[in-house]
Amino acid sequence: MPSTPSKSAEAIVAILTPPACREEVLGDLYERYRSPAQYGFEALITIPLVILSRIRRTADPQILLMQALALYLAFLGAAWFRDARLLSQEWGILRLALPPGLVLLALVLDDAYAKPGMRSPGSMIRGPVIGLGLAFFSQAMLRSRNSPAALPADVMMYGLAMSFLSSSAIRMLFPPVTSRLQGASAPADWLKQTGDPVEIPRGAMRLGAGLFTLLAALIVYELWWRR
């Protein structure tokens, strides 16, 4: 029985582990290696915990809330202008939340798997592009199955376009934690990125609060008043 993990097993672990903590995880698993089964079991336990820890350090709650609000308003606006009947249908408001949820998930994972350091404008829009691709694919699958959760095609396309613009703009204005400069004397990079919140201008906070209030009022109106 080999005394070290196989190259293919290490390659799989390396792909699944965020780059910022890949070296430490591979080293720890290598030192604790006893058998292929033990290596695979520990990898299955360790990798999800590392990903969650990385998300905690790279995800800023304020920015995520702003992203979620902008993404949902994009689809809400698309439904308002292209097919207002959707807003009066049962669960119509909630159906609009599925694509923004997938985009937001892609943004979180993209930040968690991004390499530490300053990021180029092209890499900053990678998360929105992946998220919008997932949203488009999920809607295509729902439509192929004639699912009631599928959105009308024109609402979906307009929502994707507006979501891309709003999400990319927010990421440019408020870069992720991985794009901020870090201290040179700190320990392992993935441990030192604590995910301190970004200081958002007061005007942006007021605008966000106003939009959130408007969104909440629309949801209450659609779900309760028009029942």
C-alpha atoms as a PDB file:
ATOM      1  CA  MET A   1       0.000   0.000   0.000  1.00  0.00           C
ATOM      2  CA  PRO A   2       1.502   3.401  -0.945  1.00  0.00           C
ATOM      3  CA  SER A   3       2.605   5.614   1.946  1.00  0.00           C
ATOM      4  CA  THR A   4       1.604   8.811   0.156  1.00  0.00           C
ATOM      5  CA  PRO A   5      -1.606   9.879  -1.603  1.00  0.00           C
ATOM      6  CA  SER A   6      -1.826   9.397  -5.334  1.00  0.00           C
ATOM      7  CA  LYS A   7      -1.282  12.312  -7.673  1.00  0.00           C
ATOM      8  CA  SER A   8      -4.834  12.035  -8.987  1.00  0.00           C
ATOM      9  CA  ALA A   9      -6.305  12.221  -5.463  1.00  0.00           C
ATOM     10  CA  GLU A  10      -4.219  15.278  -4.666  1.00  0.00           C
ATOM     11  CA  ALA A  11      -5.226  16.869  -7.963  1.00  0.00           C
ATOM     12  CA  ILE A  12      -8.924  16.427  -7.133  1.00  0.00           C
ATOM     13  CA  VAL A  13      -8.435  17.936  -3.670  1.00  0.00           C
ATOM     14  CA  ALA A  14      -6.473  20.832  -5.180  1.00  0.00           C
ATOM     15  CA  ILE A  15      -9.273  21.602  -7.659  1.00  0.00           C
ATOM     16  CA  LEU A  16     -11.968  21.574  -4.965  1.00  0.00           C
ATOM     17  CA  THR A  17      -9.989  23.642  -2.442  1.00  0.00           C
ATOM     18  CA  PRO A  18      -9.885  27.459  -2.713  1.00  0.00           C
ATOM     19  CA  PRO A  19      -6.442  28.599  -3.968  1.00  0.00           C
ATOM     20  CA  ALA A  20      -5.752  30.787  -0.924  1.00  0.00           C
ATOM     21  CA  CYS A  21      -5.719  27.776   1.401  1.00  0.00           C
ATOM     22  CA  ARG A  22      -4.854  24.996  -1.046  1.00  0.00           C
ATOM     23  CA  GLU A  23      -1.226  24.567   0.019  1.00  0.00           C
ATOM     24  CA  GLU A  24      -2.086  24.282   3.727  1.00  0.00           C
ATOM     25  CA  VAL A  25      -4.908  21.784   3.136  1.00  0.00           C
ATOM     26  CA  LEU A  26      -2.835  19.597   0.834  1.00  0.00           C
ATOM     27  CA  GLY A  27       0.044  19.646   3.312  1.00  0.00           C
ATOM     28  CA  ASP A  28      -2.129  18.707   6.287  1.00  0.00           C
ATOM     29  CA  LEU A  29      -3.827  15.872   4.422  1.00  0.00           C
ATOM     30  CA  TYR A  30      -0.465  14.642   3.155  1.00  0.00           C
ATOM     31  CA  GLU A  31       0.983  14.493   6.682  1.00  0.00           C
ATOM     32  CA  ARG A  32      -2.034  12.606   8.038  1.00  0.00           C
ATOM     33  CA  TYR A  33      -2.184  10.128   5.160  1.00  0.00           C
ATOM     34  CA  ARG A  34      -2.691   6.512   6.200  1.00  0.00           C
ATOM     35  CA  SER A  35      -4.700   4.930   3.396  1.00  0.00           C
ATOM     36  CA  PRO A  36      -6.693   5.994   0.322  1.00  0.00           C
ATOM     37  CA  ALA A  37      -9.979   5.538   2.199  1.00  0.00           C
ATOM     38  CA  GLN A  38      -8.765   7.603   5.153  1.00  0.00           C
ATOM     39  CA  TYR A  39      -7.456  10.310   2.799  1.00  0.00           C
ATOM     40  CA  GLY A  40     -10.745  10.495   0.913  1.00  0.00           C
ATOM     41  CA  PHE A  41     -12.799  10.574   4.106  1.00  0.00           C
ATOM     42  CA  GLU A  42     -10.778  13.393   5.624  1.00  0.00           C
ATOM     43  CA  ALA A  43     -10.887  15.315   2.349  1.00  0.00           C
ATOM     44  CA  LEU A  44     -14.693  15.025   2.240  1.00  0.00           C
ATOM     45  CA  ILE A  45     -14.894  16.441   5.759  1.00  0.00           C
ATOM     46  CA  THR A  46     -12.172  19.086   5.439  1.00  0.00           C
ATOM     47  CA  ILE A  47     -12.967  20.686   2.070  1.00  0.00           C
ATOM     48  CA  PRO A  48     -16.553  21.825   2.886  1.00  0.00           C
ATOM     49  CA  LEU A  49     -15.359  23.307   6.189  1.00  0.00           C
ATOM     50  CA  VAL A  50     -12.531  25.129   4.436  1.00  0.00           C
ATOM     51  CA  ILE A  51     -14.928  26.501   1.808  1.00  0.00           C
ATOM     52  CA  LEU A  52     -17.326  27.744   4.512  1.00  0.00           C
ATOM     53  CA  SER A  53     -14.435  29.296   6.419  1.00  0.00           C
ATOM     54  CA  ARG A  54     -13.216  30.982   3.262  1.00  0.00           C
ATOM     55  CA  ILE A  55     -16.710  32.304   2.503  1.00  0.00           C
ATOM     56  CA  ARG A  56     -16.916  33.746   6.007  1.00  0.00           C
ATOM     57  CA  ARG A  57     -13.683  35.641   5.390  1.00  0.00           C
ATOM     58  CA  THR A  58     -14.468  36.886   1.901  1.00  0.00           C
ATOM     59  CA  ALA A  59     -18.217  37.597   2.024  1.00  0.00           C
ATOM     60  CA  ASP A  60     -19.241  41.015   3.291  1.00  0.00           C
ATOM     61  CA  PRO A  61     -22.858  40.949   4.564  1.00  0.00           C
ATOM     62  CA  GLN A  62     -23.506  44.568   3.587  1.00  0.00           C
ATOM     63  CA  ILE A  63     -22.257  44.072   0.044  1.00  0.00           C
ATOM     64  CA  LEU A  64     -24.168  40.806  -0.294  1.00  0.00           C
ATOM     65  CA  LEU A  65     -27.365  42.528   0.823  1.00  0.00           C
ATOM     66  CA  MET A  66     -26.773  45.286  -1.709  1.00  0.00           C
ATOM     67  CA  GLN A  67     -26.110  42.710  -4.442  1.00  0.00           C
ATOM     68  CA  ALA A  68     -29.218  40.699  -3.551  1.00  0.00           C
ATOM     69  CA  LEU A  69     -31.361  43.816  -3.592  1.00  0.00           C
ATOM     70  CA  ALA A  70     -29.983  44.989  -6.942  1.00  0.00           C
ATOM     71  CA  LEU A  71     -30.375  41.550  -8.534  1.00  0.00           C
ATOM     72  CA  TYR A  72     -33.946  41.100  -7.353  1.00  0.00           C
ATOM     73  CA  LEU A  73     -34.973  44.610  -8.367  1.00  0.00           C
ATOM     74  CA  ALA A  74     -33.579  43.914 -11.833  1.00  0.00           C
ATOM     75  CA  PHE A  75     -35.905  40.937 -12.298  1.00  0.00           C
ATOM     76  CA  LEU A  76     -38.768  42.732 -10.593  1.00  0.00           C
ATOM     77  CA  GLY A  77     -38.350  45.640 -12.997  1.00  0.00           C
ATOM     78  CA  ALA A  78     -38.153  43.286 -15.960  1.00  0.00           C
ATOM     79  CA  ALA A  79     -41.419  41.650 -14.912  1.00  0.00           C
ATOM     80  CA  TRP A  80     -43.010  45.038 -14.297  1.00  0.00           C
ATOM     81  CA  PHE A  81     -42.236  46.298 -17.805  1.00  0.00           C
ATOM     82  CA  ARG A  82     -42.457  43.079 -19.845  1.00  0.00           C
ATOM     83  CA  ASP A  83     -45.169  41.001 -18.177  1.00  0.00           C
ATOM     84  CA  ALA A  84     -46.878  42.727 -15.268  1.00  0.00           C
ATOM     85  CA  ARG A  85     -49.366  39.865 -14.997  1.00  0.00           C
ATOM     86  CA  LEU A  86     -46.592  37.781 -13.464  1.00  0.00           C
ATOM     87  CA  LEU A  87     -46.617  39.995 -10.379  1.00  0.00           C
ATOM     88  CA  SER A  88     -50.284  39.230  -9.702  1.00  0.00           C
ATOM     89  CA  GLN A  89     -49.946  35.474 -10.160  1.00  0.00           C
ATOM     90  CA  GLU A  90     -49.637  33.119  -7.204  1.00  0.00           C
ATOM     91  CA  TRP A  91     -46.001  32.883  -6.095  1.00  0.00           C
ATOM     92  CA  GLY A  92     -45.046  35.231  -8.918  1.00  0.00           C
ATOM     93  CA  ILE A  93     -42.930  37.388  -6.590  1.00  0.00           C
ATOM     94  CA  LEU A  94     -41.109  34.338  -5.248  1.00  0.00           C
ATOM     95  CA  ARG A  95     -40.512  32.919  -8.741  1.00  0.00           C
ATOM     96  CA  LEU A  96     -38.513  36.028  -9.508  1.00  0.00           C
ATOM     97  CA  ALA A  97     -36.141  35.258  -6.620  1.00  0.00           C
ATOM     98  CA  LEU A  98     -34.715  32.029  -8.083  1.00  0.00           C
ATOM     99  CA  PRO A  99     -32.367  33.551 -10.724  1.00  0.00           C
ATOM    100  CA  PRO A 100     -31.033  36.248  -8.343  1.00  0.00           C
ATOM    101  CA  GLY A 101     -30.383  33.556  -5.739  1.00  0.00           C
ATOM    102  CA  LEU A 102     -28.240  31.567  -8.175  1.00  0.00           C
ATOM    103  CA  VAL A 103     -26.326  34.677  -9.225  1.00  0.00           C
ATOM    104  CA  LEU A 104     -25.683  35.564  -5.586  1.00  0.00           C
ATOM    105  CA  LEU A 105     -24.429  32.033  -4.886  1.00  0.00           C
ATOM    106  CA  ALA A 106     -22.027  32.290  -7.826  1.00  0.00           C
ATOM    107  CA  LEU A 107     -20.723  35.644  -6.536  1.00  0.00           C
ATOM    108  CA  VAL A 108     -20.042  34.191  -3.094  1.00  0.00           C
ATOM    109  CA  LEU A 109     -18.226  31.154  -4.475  1.00  0.00           C
ATOM    110  CA  ASP A 110     -16.274  33.233  -6.982  1.00  0.00           C
ATOM    111  CA  ASP A 111     -14.928  35.432  -4.183  1.00  0.00           C
ATOM    112  CA  ALA A 112     -14.122  32.389  -2.058  1.00  0.00           C
ATOM    113  CA  TYR A 113     -12.161  30.728  -4.881  1.00  0.00           C
ATOM    114  CA  ALA A 114     -10.473  33.882  -6.150  1.00  0.00           C
ATOM    115  CA  LYS A 115      -6.719  34.145  -5.755  1.00  0.00           C
ATOM    116  CA  PRO A 116      -5.661  36.693  -3.132  1.00  0.00           C
ATOM    117  CA  GLY A 117      -4.477  40.066  -4.389  1.00  0.00           C
ATOM    118  CA  MET A 118      -5.702  42.798  -6.672  1.00  0.00           C
ATOM    119  CA  ARG A 119      -8.063  41.541  -9.346  1.00  0.00           C
ATOM    120  CA  SER A 120      -8.428  42.771 -12.901  1.00  0.00           C
ATOM    121  CA  PRO A 121     -11.743  44.214 -14.157  1.00  0.00           C
ATOM    122  CA  GLY A 122     -12.226  41.091 -16.245  1.00  0.00           C
ATOM    123  CA  SER A 123     -11.970  38.795 -13.232  1.00  0.00           C
ATOM    124  CA  MET A 124     -14.340  41.040 -11.291  1.00  0.00           C
ATOM    125  CA  ILE A 125     -17.187  40.288 -13.697  1.00  0.00           C
ATOM    126  CA  ARG A 126     -16.439  36.558 -13.785  1.00  0.00           C
ATOM    127  CA  GLY A 127     -18.791  35.912 -10.865  1.00  0.00           C
ATOM    128  CA  PRO A 128     -21.773  37.713 -12.433  1.00  0.00           C
ATOM    129  CA  VAL A 129     -21.188  35.959 -15.759  1.00  0.00           C
ATOM    130  CA  ILE A 130     -21.073  32.516 -14.118  1.00  0.00           C
ATOM    131  CA  GLY A 131     -24.117  33.308 -12.012  1.00  0.00           C
ATOM    132  CA  LEU A 132     -26.136  34.543 -14.952  1.00  0.00           C
ATOM    133  CA  GLY A 133     -25.141  31.437 -16.881  1.00  0.00           C
ATOM    134  CA  LEU A 134     -26.401  29.239 -14.035  1.00  0.00           C
ATOM    135  CA  ALA A 135     -29.635  31.226 -13.870  1.00  0.00           C
ATOM    136  CA  PHE A 136     -30.160  30.913 -17.632  1.00  0.00           C
ATOM    137  CA  PHE A 137     -29.430  27.169 -17.567  1.00  0.00           C
ATOM    138  CA  SER A 138     -31.771  26.571 -14.627  1.00  0.00           C
ATOM    139  CA  GLN A 139     -34.586  28.457 -16.330  1.00  0.00           C
ATOM    140  CA  ALA A 140     -33.992  26.518 -19.542  1.00  0.00           C
ATOM    141  CA  MET A 141     -34.278  23.253 -17.612  1.00  0.00           C
ATOM    142  CA  LEU A 142     -37.461  24.399 -15.874  1.00  0.00           C
ATOM    143  CA  ARG A 143     -38.965  25.527 -19.172  1.00  0.00           C
ATOM    144  CA  SER A 144     -38.120  22.192 -20.831  1.00  0.00           C
ATOM    145  CA  ARG A 145     -40.062  20.440 -18.062  1.00  0.00           C
ATOM    146  CA  ASN A 146     -42.966  22.916 -18.296  1.00  0.00           C
ATOM    147  CA  SER A 147     -42.427  23.819 -14.657  1.00  0.00           C
ATOM    148  CA  PRO A 148     -44.623  26.590 -13.210  1.00  0.00           C
ATOM    149  CA  ALA A 149     -41.471  28.030 -11.608  1.00  0.00           C
ATOM    150  CA  ALA A 150     -40.071  29.019 -15.025  1.00  0.00           C
ATOM    151  CA  LEU A 151     -40.160  32.710 -15.898  1.00  0.00           C
ATOM    152  CA  PRO A 152     -41.328  34.081 -19.262  1.00  0.00           C
ATOM    153  CA  ALA A 153     -38.475  34.228 -21.764  1.00  0.00           C
ATOM    154  CA  ASP A 154     -38.556  37.998 -22.246  1.00  0.00           C
ATOM    155  CA  VAL A 155     -38.650  38.639 -18.486  1.00  0.00           C
ATOM    156  CA  MET A 156     -35.691  36.308 -18.062  1.00  0.00           C
ATOM    157  CA  MET A 157     -33.579  37.955 -20.757  1.00  0.00           C
ATOM    158  CA  TYR A 158     -34.289  41.514 -19.618  1.00  0.00           C
ATOM    159  CA  GLY A 159     -33.685  40.501 -16.010  1.00  0.00           C
ATOM    160  CA  LEU A 160     -30.348  38.897 -16.899  1.00  0.00           C
ATOM    161  CA  ALA A 161     -29.219  41.984 -18.797  1.00  0.00           C
ATOM    162  CA  MET A 162     -30.110  44.413 -16.005  1.00  0.00           C
ATOM    163  CA  SER A 163     -28.676  42.068 -13.382  1.00  0.00           C
ATOM    164  CA  PHE A 164     -25.349  41.943 -15.180  1.00  0.00           C
ATOM    165  CA  LEU A 165     -25.092  45.721 -15.298  1.00  0.00           C
ATOM    166  CA  SER A 166     -26.114  46.321 -11.689  1.00  0.00           C
ATOM    167  CA  SER A 167     -24.066  43.463 -10.228  1.00  0.00           C
ATOM    168  CA  SER A 168     -20.924  44.380 -12.167  1.00  0.00           C
ATOM    169  CA  ALA A 169     -21.263  48.032 -11.151  1.00  0.00           C
ATOM    170  CA  ILE A 170     -21.511  47.132  -7.456  1.00  0.00           C
ATOM    171  CA  ARG A 171     -18.449  44.884  -7.673  1.00  0.00           C
ATOM    172  CA  MET A 172     -16.472  47.654  -9.314  1.00  0.00           C
ATOM    173  CA  LEU A 173     -17.513  50.210  -6.689  1.00  0.00           C
ATOM    174  CA  PHE A 174     -17.071  47.847  -3.723  1.00  0.00           C
ATOM    175  CA  PRO A 175     -14.307  45.314  -4.498  1.00  0.00           C
ATOM    176  CA  PRO A 176     -14.377  41.933  -2.717  1.00  0.00           C
ATOM    177  CA  VAL A 177     -12.177  41.270   0.303  1.00  0.00           C
ATOM    178  CA  THR A 178      -9.752  39.307  -1.861  1.00  0.00           C
ATOM    179  CA  SER A 179      -8.916  42.482  -3.800  1.00  0.00           C
ATOM    180  CA  ARG A 180      -7.865  44.478  -0.760  1.00  0.00           C
ATOM    181  CA  LEU A 181      -4.233  44.898   0.148  1.00  0.00           C
ATOM    182  CA  GLN A 182      -3.068  42.700   3.013  1.00  0.00           C
ATOM    183  CA  GLY A 183      -0.275  43.147   5.535  1.00  0.00           C
ATOM    184  CA  ALA A 184       3.043  41.623   4.530  1.00  0.00           C
ATOM    185  CA  SER A 185       3.878  40.276   8.001  1.00  0.00           C
ATOM    186  CA  ALA A 186       0.641  38.357   8.532  1.00  0.00           C
ATOM    187  CA  PRO A 187       0.412  34.537   8.662  1.00  0.00           C
ATOM    188  CA  ALA A 188      -1.103  32.345   5.956  1.00  0.00           C
ATOM    189  CA  ASP A 189      -3.033  34.561   3.564  1.00  0.00           C
ATOM    190  CA  TRP A 190      -6.299  32.677   3.835  1.00  0.00           C
ATOM    191  CA  LEU A 191      -6.237  33.085   7.618  1.00  0.00           C
ATOM    192  CA  LYS A 192      -5.401  36.773   7.663  1.00  0.00           C
ATOM    193  CA  GLN A 193      -8.314  37.808   5.410  1.00  0.00           C
ATOM    194  CA  THR A 194     -10.863  38.413   8.124  1.00  0.00           C
ATOM    195  CA  GLY A 195     -13.550  39.846   5.867  1.00  0.00           C
ATOM    196  CA  ASP A 196     -13.833  43.173   7.646  1.00  0.00           C
ATOM    197  CA  PRO A 197     -16.877  45.043   6.365  1.00  0.00           C
ATOM    198  CA  VAL A 198     -16.447  47.709   3.749  1.00  0.00           C
ATOM    199  CA  GLU A 199     -17.372  51.207   4.889  1.00  0.00           C
ATOM    200  CA  ILE A 200     -20.275  52.126   2.639  1.00  0.00           C
ATOM    201  CA  PRO A 201     -21.014  55.813   2.049  1.00  0.00           C
ATOM    202  CA  ARG A 202     -24.019  57.143   3.942  1.00  0.00           C
ATOM    203  CA  GLY A 203     -25.736  58.158   0.714  1.00  0.00           C
ATOM    204  CA  ALA A 204     -25.471  54.624  -0.632  1.00  0.00           C
ATOM    205  CA  MET A 205     -26.854  53.252   2.601  1.00  0.00           C
ATOM    206  CA  ARG A 206     -29.840  55.619   2.404  1.00  0.00           C
ATOM    207  CA  LEU A 207     -30.459  54.654  -1.203  1.00  0.00           C
ATOM    208  CA  GLY A 208     -30.249  50.980  -0.313  1.00  0.00           C
ATOM    209  CA  ALA A 209     -32.634  51.444   2.604  1.00  0.00           C
ATOM    210  CA  GLY A 210     -35.092  53.267   0.355  1.00  0.00           C
ATOM    211  CA  LEU A 211     -34.964  50.566  -2.296  1.00  0.00           C
ATOM    212  CA  PHE A 212     -35.333  47.861   0.334  1.00  0.00           C
ATOM    213  CA  THR A 213     -38.394  49.616   1.772  1.00  0.00           C
ATOM    214  CA  LEU A 214     -39.905  49.904  -1.700  1.00  0.00           C
ATOM    215  CA  LEU A 215     -39.247  46.238  -2.386  1.00  0.00           C
ATOM    216  CA  ALA A 216     -40.769  45.186   0.942  1.00  0.00           C
ATOM    217  CA  ALA A 217     -43.849  47.307   0.248  1.00  0.00           C
ATOM    218  CA  LEU A 218     -44.286  45.711  -3.189  1.00  0.00           C
ATOM    219  CA  ILE A 219     -43.990  42.217  -1.742  1.00  0.00           C
ATOM    220  CA  VAL A 220     -46.518  42.934   1.001  1.00  0.00           C
ATOM    221  CA  TYR A 221     -48.877  44.510  -1.538  1.00  0.00           C
ATOM    222  CA  GLU A 222     -48.650  41.589  -3.945  1.00  0.00           C
ATOM    223  CA  LEU A 223     -48.861  38.819  -1.348  1.00  0.00           C
ATOM    224  CA  TRP A 224     -51.433  40.288   1.017  1.00  0.00           C
ATOM    225  CA  TRP A 225     -53.349  43.298  -0.308  1.00  0.00           C
ATOM    226  CA  ARG A 226     -54.143  41.794  -3.726  1.00  0.00           C
ATOM    227  CA  ARG A 227     -55.139  38.370  -2.417  1.00  0.00           C
END
